[in-house]
Amino acid sequence: MPDATTSNGAAMPPRRNRKAGRAEARAGVLFALPWMIGMTVFIAVPLILTFYIAQTRFQIVGPPRWVGMQNYEALWTDPAFWRSAQNTLVFAAISVPMKLFIALVLALLLNRVTALSGFYRTVFYLPFLMPAVAGSVVFMLLLTPNAGPVNIILEAFGLNPPDWLLDPRAALWTLILLSLWPLGVETLVFLGGLQSIPKDVSEAAELESPKAWHKLVWITLPLITPMILFNLVIGIIYSFQIFTHALVIGGTTGRPAEATLMYMVVLYRAAFRYFNMGLAAAMATVLFVAVLLLTLLIFRTARSWVHYEGDSR
């Protein structure tokens, strides 16, 4: 029996092929179903509830009461909100570029090492596996005045170290230095990008110009710009959500003198110290919108400096 045709004369696919296509579609939906359920239950629903609770007065013990934009108005006049936002922006503006630079330098060094390269990669990745609380406590012990190894070494060289944990001018820098310690993920991402560069491209660049920095600037960096973009976006997202290190070092008050008071600490304080879930949800909404807009801006500008394989630009 000949295959049926459509109105324009094109042959319709056999019924057997249509059944196979529907079976493949059902199988695809079944395989994706766990992810879809998880996305809905753990991300979409909490996000919608956050937007709703942000416009209510909710103290946990009673039902939420609709108050409209009052929580956002309270944030606008809250000095702790602005102080934490300022500290978080300064922290992100300094720590993210420093992490990218140090991770790139480490990746370039690891890319040259052949002997014990696996050992060095493991060593650089291990700090990332340490719990944040334990890492913060160890860092505080290292920077203890008069007894910490860091201050003893600096004093041995005739330097006058600051009071890392009690001086408001140094406390934020202490937090930034602590954030630079676990660089394993960023370093491995850069290392993967460096090792994906074709050898013939590297050899051609070396023949064209024997200077190493020429090759780095004109060949290596453009080829790993997708990795730079990835680390930049992830670094910004995580820097805006810094919490554990700030809580361990500065507590819920951001001591000393609110120098380490971060945005997530104020959000945590509003939710679990004052049980003002509406205000905390409003802060979470503001953070979500800020990170979303900043991420979209980065992706928008990335069109002019990120180069992918096979890109015709």
Protein backbone atom coordinates (compact mmCIF):
# COMPACT_ATOMS: atom_id res chain seq x y z
CA MET A 1 0.00 0.00 0.00
CA PRO A 2 1.55 3.32 -1.00
CA ASP A 3 2.31 5.91 1.66
CA ALA A 4 -0.20 8.70 2.11
CA THR A 5 0.61 12.16 0.85
CA THR A 6 -0.12 15.63 2.17
CA SER A 7 -2.09 18.28 0.30
CA ASN A 8 1.05 19.65 -1.36
CA GLY A 9 2.11 16.22 -2.59
CA ALA A 10 4.80 15.50 0.03
CA ALA A 11 4.93 11.96 1.34
CA MET A 12 3.80 11.51 4.93
CA PRO A 13 6.04 9.42 7.21
CA PRO A 14 4.93 5.81 7.60
CA ARG A 15 2.79 4.96 10.61
CA ARG A 16 5.60 2.82 12.04
CA ASN A 17 7.99 5.80 12.02
CA ARG A 18 5.40 8.00 13.70
CA LYS A 19 4.92 5.42 16.47
CA ALA A 20 8.68 5.19 16.96
CA GLY A 21 8.90 8.97 17.19
CA ARG A 22 6.16 9.11 19.83
CA ALA A 23 7.88 6.33 21.79
CA GLU A 24 11.17 8.25 21.74
CA ALA A 25 9.39 11.42 22.86
CA ARG A 26 7.77 9.57 25.79
CA ALA A 27 11.13 8.07 26.75
CA GLY A 28 12.74 11.51 26.63
CA VAL A 29 10.04 12.96 28.87
CA LEU A 30 10.43 10.08 31.34
CA PHE A 31 14.19 10.56 31.50
CA ALA A 32 13.77 14.31 32.01
CA LEU A 33 10.92 13.93 34.51
CA PRO A 34 13.11 13.67 37.66
CA TRP A 35 14.90 16.89 36.71
CA MET A 36 11.62 18.61 35.87
CA ILE A 37 10.11 17.58 39.22
CA GLY A 38 13.21 18.69 41.11
CA MET A 39 13.30 22.00 39.22
CA THR A 40 9.66 22.64 40.02
CA VAL A 41 9.67 21.56 43.67
CA PHE A 42 13.05 22.92 44.79
CA ILE A 43 13.51 26.02 42.59
CA ALA A 44 10.35 27.27 40.88
CA VAL A 45 7.94 26.89 43.81
CA PRO A 46 10.31 28.35 46.45
CA LEU A 47 11.07 31.25 44.10
CA ILE A 48 7.38 32.06 43.65
CA LEU A 49 6.77 31.73 47.40
CA THR A 50 9.70 34.08 48.08
CA PHE A 51 8.18 36.73 45.81
CA TYR A 52 4.88 36.33 47.65
CA ILE A 53 6.28 36.32 51.20
CA ALA A 54 8.34 39.42 50.37
CA GLN A 55 5.06 41.34 50.26
CA THR A 56 3.70 40.00 53.53
CA ARG A 57 4.40 40.26 57.24
CA PHE A 58 5.26 36.71 58.21
CA GLN A 59 6.60 35.83 61.69
CA ILE A 60 6.46 32.00 61.26
CA VAL A 61 4.09 31.53 64.23
CA GLY A 62 1.13 33.00 62.37
CA PRO A 63 -0.19 33.19 58.82
CA PRO A 64 1.37 35.75 56.47
CA ARG A 65 -0.42 39.10 56.29
CA TRP A 66 -0.30 41.10 53.07
CA VAL A 67 1.51 44.44 53.45
CA GLY A 68 2.40 45.22 49.85
CA MET A 69 5.70 47.07 49.40
CA GLN A 70 6.28 47.87 53.08
CA ASN A 71 9.19 45.43 53.39
CA TYR A 72 11.00 47.07 50.49
CA GLU A 73 10.35 50.49 52.02
CA ALA A 74 11.82 49.24 55.30
CA LEU A 75 14.94 48.07 53.47
CA TRP A 76 15.32 51.46 51.83
CA THR A 77 15.60 53.13 55.26
CA ASP A 78 17.63 50.36 56.98
CA PRO A 79 21.30 51.38 57.52
CA ALA A 80 22.33 47.73 57.95
CA PHE A 81 20.95 46.91 54.51
CA TRP A 82 23.00 49.63 52.83
CA ARG A 83 26.12 48.88 54.85
CA SER A 84 25.95 45.17 54.01
CA ALA A 85 25.27 45.93 50.35
CA GLN A 86 28.28 48.24 50.24
CA ASN A 87 30.55 45.68 51.91
CA THR A 88 29.35 42.94 49.57
CA LEU A 89 29.94 45.06 46.47
CA VAL A 90 33.45 45.99 47.62
CA PHE A 91 34.16 42.37 48.47
CA ALA A 92 32.98 41.18 45.05
CA ALA A 93 34.79 43.95 43.15
CA ILE A 94 38.12 43.04 44.77
CA SER A 95 37.94 39.31 45.38
CA VAL A 96 36.58 38.17 42.00
CA PRO A 97 39.33 39.75 39.82
CA MET A 98 41.99 38.60 42.28
CA LYS A 99 40.66 35.03 42.23
CA LEU A 100 40.59 35.00 38.43
CA PHE A 101 44.14 36.33 38.20
CA ILE A 102 45.64 33.97 40.80
CA ALA A 103 43.76 30.96 39.42
CA LEU A 104 44.98 31.76 35.90
CA VAL A 105 48.58 32.07 37.07
CA LEU A 106 48.35 28.75 38.91
CA ALA A 107 46.81 27.10 35.86
CA LEU A 108 49.62 28.42 33.63
CA LEU A 109 52.19 27.02 36.05
CA LEU A 110 50.43 23.66 36.32
CA ASN A 111 50.17 23.46 32.54
CA ARG A 112 53.97 23.60 32.32
CA VAL A 113 54.53 20.96 34.99
CA THR A 114 54.70 17.41 33.69
CA ALA A 115 56.15 15.49 36.63
CA LEU A 116 53.78 15.14 39.58
CA SER A 117 51.16 17.21 37.78
CA GLY A 118 48.34 15.10 39.23
CA PHE A 119 49.74 15.60 42.73
CA TYR A 120 49.85 19.38 42.35
CA ARG A 121 46.31 19.50 40.98
CA THR A 122 45.10 17.54 43.99
CA VAL A 123 46.96 19.84 46.38
CA PHE A 124 45.37 22.95 44.88
CA TYR A 125 41.91 21.36 44.91
CA LEU A 126 41.99 20.07 48.50
CA PRO A 127 41.24 23.45 50.18
CA PHE A 128 37.95 23.56 48.28
CA LEU A 129 36.91 20.33 50.01
CA MET A 130 37.52 21.66 53.52
CA PRO A 131 34.34 22.81 55.30
CA ALA A 132 34.00 26.59 55.29
CA VAL A 133 33.68 26.78 59.09
CA ALA A 134 36.88 24.79 59.64
CA GLY A 135 38.75 26.87 57.06
CA SER A 136 37.60 30.11 58.71
CA VAL A 137 38.70 28.94 62.16
CA VAL A 138 42.12 27.88 60.86
CA PHE A 139 42.49 31.22 59.12
CA MET A 140 41.62 33.08 62.33
CA LEU A 141 44.26 31.10 64.20
CA LEU A 142 46.85 31.96 61.56
CA LEU A 143 46.07 35.67 61.92
CA THR A 144 45.85 35.81 65.71
CA PRO A 145 47.71 38.92 67.01
CA ASN A 146 51.11 38.24 68.63
CA ALA A 147 50.72 34.46 68.38
CA GLY A 148 49.60 33.82 64.80
CA PRO A 149 52.25 32.51 62.37
CA VAL A 150 51.45 35.22 59.81
CA ASN A 151 52.10 38.07 62.23
CA ILE A 152 55.26 36.39 63.57
CA ILE A 153 56.68 36.07 60.04
CA LEU A 154 55.81 39.67 59.17
CA GLU A 155 57.38 40.94 62.38
CA ALA A 156 60.52 38.91 61.66
CA PHE A 157 60.91 40.93 58.44
CA GLY A 158 60.50 44.19 60.35
CA LEU A 159 56.90 44.79 59.28
CA ASN A 160 54.13 45.98 61.57
CA PRO A 161 51.14 43.73 60.84
CA PRO A 162 47.63 45.06 61.42
CA ASP A 163 45.15 43.56 63.79
CA TRP A 164 43.52 41.45 61.10
CA LEU A 165 40.37 40.58 63.04
CA LEU A 166 39.78 43.68 65.19
CA ASP A 167 40.87 46.57 62.97
CA PRO A 168 37.92 47.80 60.84
CA ARG A 169 40.35 48.84 58.10
CA ALA A 170 41.84 45.32 57.87
CA ALA A 171 38.86 43.07 58.68
CA LEU A 172 37.32 43.23 55.20
CA TRP A 173 40.70 42.49 53.64
CA THR A 174 40.96 39.48 55.95
CA LEU A 175 37.68 38.22 54.54
CA ILE A 176 38.93 38.81 50.99
CA LEU A 177 42.16 36.91 51.67
CA LEU A 178 40.15 34.04 53.12
CA SER A 179 38.05 33.88 49.95
CA LEU A 180 41.22 33.54 47.84
CA TRP A 181 42.29 30.35 49.57
CA PRO A 182 40.02 27.72 47.93
CA LEU A 183 40.89 28.22 44.25
CA GLY A 184 40.78 24.59 43.13
CA VAL A 185 37.70 24.80 40.91
CA GLU A 186 38.74 27.98 39.10
CA THR A 187 42.27 26.68 38.60
CA LEU A 188 41.08 23.36 37.16
CA VAL A 189 38.65 25.13 34.81
CA PHE A 190 41.46 27.32 33.48
CA LEU A 191 43.77 24.31 33.26
CA GLY A 192 41.20 22.41 31.22
CA GLY A 193 40.94 25.37 28.85
CA LEU A 194 44.72 25.61 28.48
CA GLN A 195 45.04 21.90 27.73
CA SER A 196 42.31 22.11 25.09
CA ILE A 197 44.35 24.55 22.98
CA PRO A 198 45.61 22.65 19.90
CA LYS A 199 49.34 22.05 19.89
CA ASP A 200 49.72 23.23 16.31
CA VAL A 201 48.27 26.61 17.28
CA SER A 202 50.74 26.94 20.16
CA GLU A 203 53.67 25.91 17.97
CA ALA A 204 52.66 28.35 15.24
CA ALA A 205 52.43 31.15 17.82
CA GLU A 206 55.90 30.32 19.13
CA LEU A 207 57.33 30.43 15.59
CA GLU A 208 55.58 33.73 14.89
CA SER A 209 56.86 35.39 18.07
CA PRO A 210 59.29 33.82 20.55
CA LYS A 211 58.15 36.15 23.33
CA ALA A 212 55.98 34.27 25.83
CA TRP A 213 53.79 37.24 26.70
CA HIS A 214 52.88 37.74 23.03
CA LYS A 215 51.60 34.18 22.92
CA LEU A 216 49.75 34.66 26.21
CA VAL A 217 48.02 37.89 25.17
CA TRP A 218 47.22 37.17 21.53
CA ILE A 219 46.70 33.39 21.52
CA THR A 220 46.17 31.84 24.95
CA LEU A 221 43.84 34.37 26.56
CA PRO A 222 41.47 34.71 23.56
CA LEU A 223 41.19 30.91 23.31
CA ILE A 224 40.24 30.51 26.98
CA THR A 225 37.79 33.41 27.14
CA PRO A 226 34.84 30.97 27.55
CA MET A 227 36.51 29.66 30.72
CA ILE A 228 37.14 33.23 31.88
CA LEU A 229 33.45 34.01 31.35
CA PHE A 230 32.39 30.90 33.28
CA ASN A 231 34.66 31.64 36.25
CA LEU A 232 33.65 35.31 36.20
CA VAL A 233 29.91 34.60 36.35
CA ILE A 234 30.22 31.86 38.97
CA GLY A 235 32.62 33.99 41.01
CA ILE A 236 30.24 36.96 41.06
CA ILE A 237 27.28 34.79 42.04
CA TYR A 238 29.18 33.18 44.91
CA SER A 239 30.75 36.45 46.07
CA PHE A 240 27.32 38.04 46.42
CA GLN A 241 26.25 35.06 48.53
CA ILE A 242 29.24 34.93 50.89
CA PHE A 243 27.91 33.90 54.28
CA THR A 244 29.81 31.27 56.29
CA HIS A 245 33.20 33.00 56.33
CA ALA A 246 31.60 36.34 57.24
CA LEU A 247 29.45 34.80 59.99
CA VAL A 248 32.38 32.96 61.60
CA ILE A 249 34.72 35.96 61.48
CA GLY A 250 32.31 38.81 62.21
CA GLY A 251 29.25 37.17 63.72
CA THR A 252 25.78 38.55 63.07
CA THR A 253 26.94 42.11 63.91
CA GLY A 254 29.79 42.20 61.37
CA ARG A 255 32.43 43.01 63.94
CA PRO A 256 34.52 45.05 64.09
CA ALA A 257 32.33 48.11 63.43
CA GLU A 258 30.25 46.28 60.78
CA ALA A 259 33.35 45.96 58.56
CA THR A 260 32.52 42.31 57.80
CA LEU A 261 28.74 42.71 57.71
CA MET A 262 27.74 40.98 54.48
CA TYR A 263 24.38 40.96 52.71
CA MET A 264 23.62 37.31 53.45
CA VAL A 265 24.44 37.81 57.13
CA VAL A 266 21.83 40.59 57.39
CA LEU A 267 19.36 38.38 55.52
CA TYR A 268 20.07 35.49 57.92
CA ARG A 269 19.73 37.84 60.90
CA ALA A 270 16.36 39.10 59.70
CA ALA A 271 15.04 35.58 59.11
CA PHE A 272 16.39 33.53 62.01
CA ARG A 273 17.16 36.08 64.70
CA TYR A 274 14.25 38.46 64.35
CA PHE A 275 11.98 35.94 62.56
CA ASN A 276 10.96 38.61 60.04
CA MET A 277 10.53 36.30 57.07
CA GLY A 278 8.87 38.98 54.96
CA LEU A 279 11.87 41.30 55.26
CA ALA A 280 14.28 38.42 54.60
CA ALA A 281 12.30 37.40 51.52
CA ALA A 282 12.41 41.00 50.27
CA MET A 283 16.21 40.99 50.68
CA ALA A 284 16.40 37.68 48.82
CA THR A 285 14.30 39.14 46.00
CA VAL A 286 16.55 42.20 45.72
CA LEU A 287 19.62 39.95 45.64
CA PHE A 288 18.07 37.73 42.98
CA VAL A 289 17.21 40.68 40.75
CA ALA A 290 20.64 42.30 41.23
CA VAL A 291 22.54 39.11 40.40
CA LEU A 292 20.24 38.41 37.44
CA LEU A 293 20.74 41.88 35.95
CA LEU A 294 24.49 41.78 36.49
CA THR A 295 24.73 38.33 34.91
CA LEU A 296 22.68 39.44 31.90
CA LEU A 297 24.93 42.49 31.54
CA ILE A 298 28.03 40.28 31.56
CA PHE A 299 26.58 37.97 28.94
CA ARG A 300 25.58 40.98 26.86
CA THR A 301 29.11 42.40 26.89
CA ALA A 302 30.61 38.92 26.42
CA ARG A 303 29.65 39.03 22.75
CA SER A 304 32.54 41.43 22.15
CA TRP A 305 35.30 39.61 24.02
CA VAL A 306 34.43 35.90 24.31
CA HIS A 307 35.56 33.79 21.36
CA TYR A 308 34.29 30.28 20.74
CA GLU A 309 35.70 27.62 18.45
CA GLY A 310 34.40 28.11 14.93
CA ASP A 311 33.25 31.66 15.70
CA SER A 312 33.14 33.70 12.47
CA ARG A 313 33.65 37.10 14.15
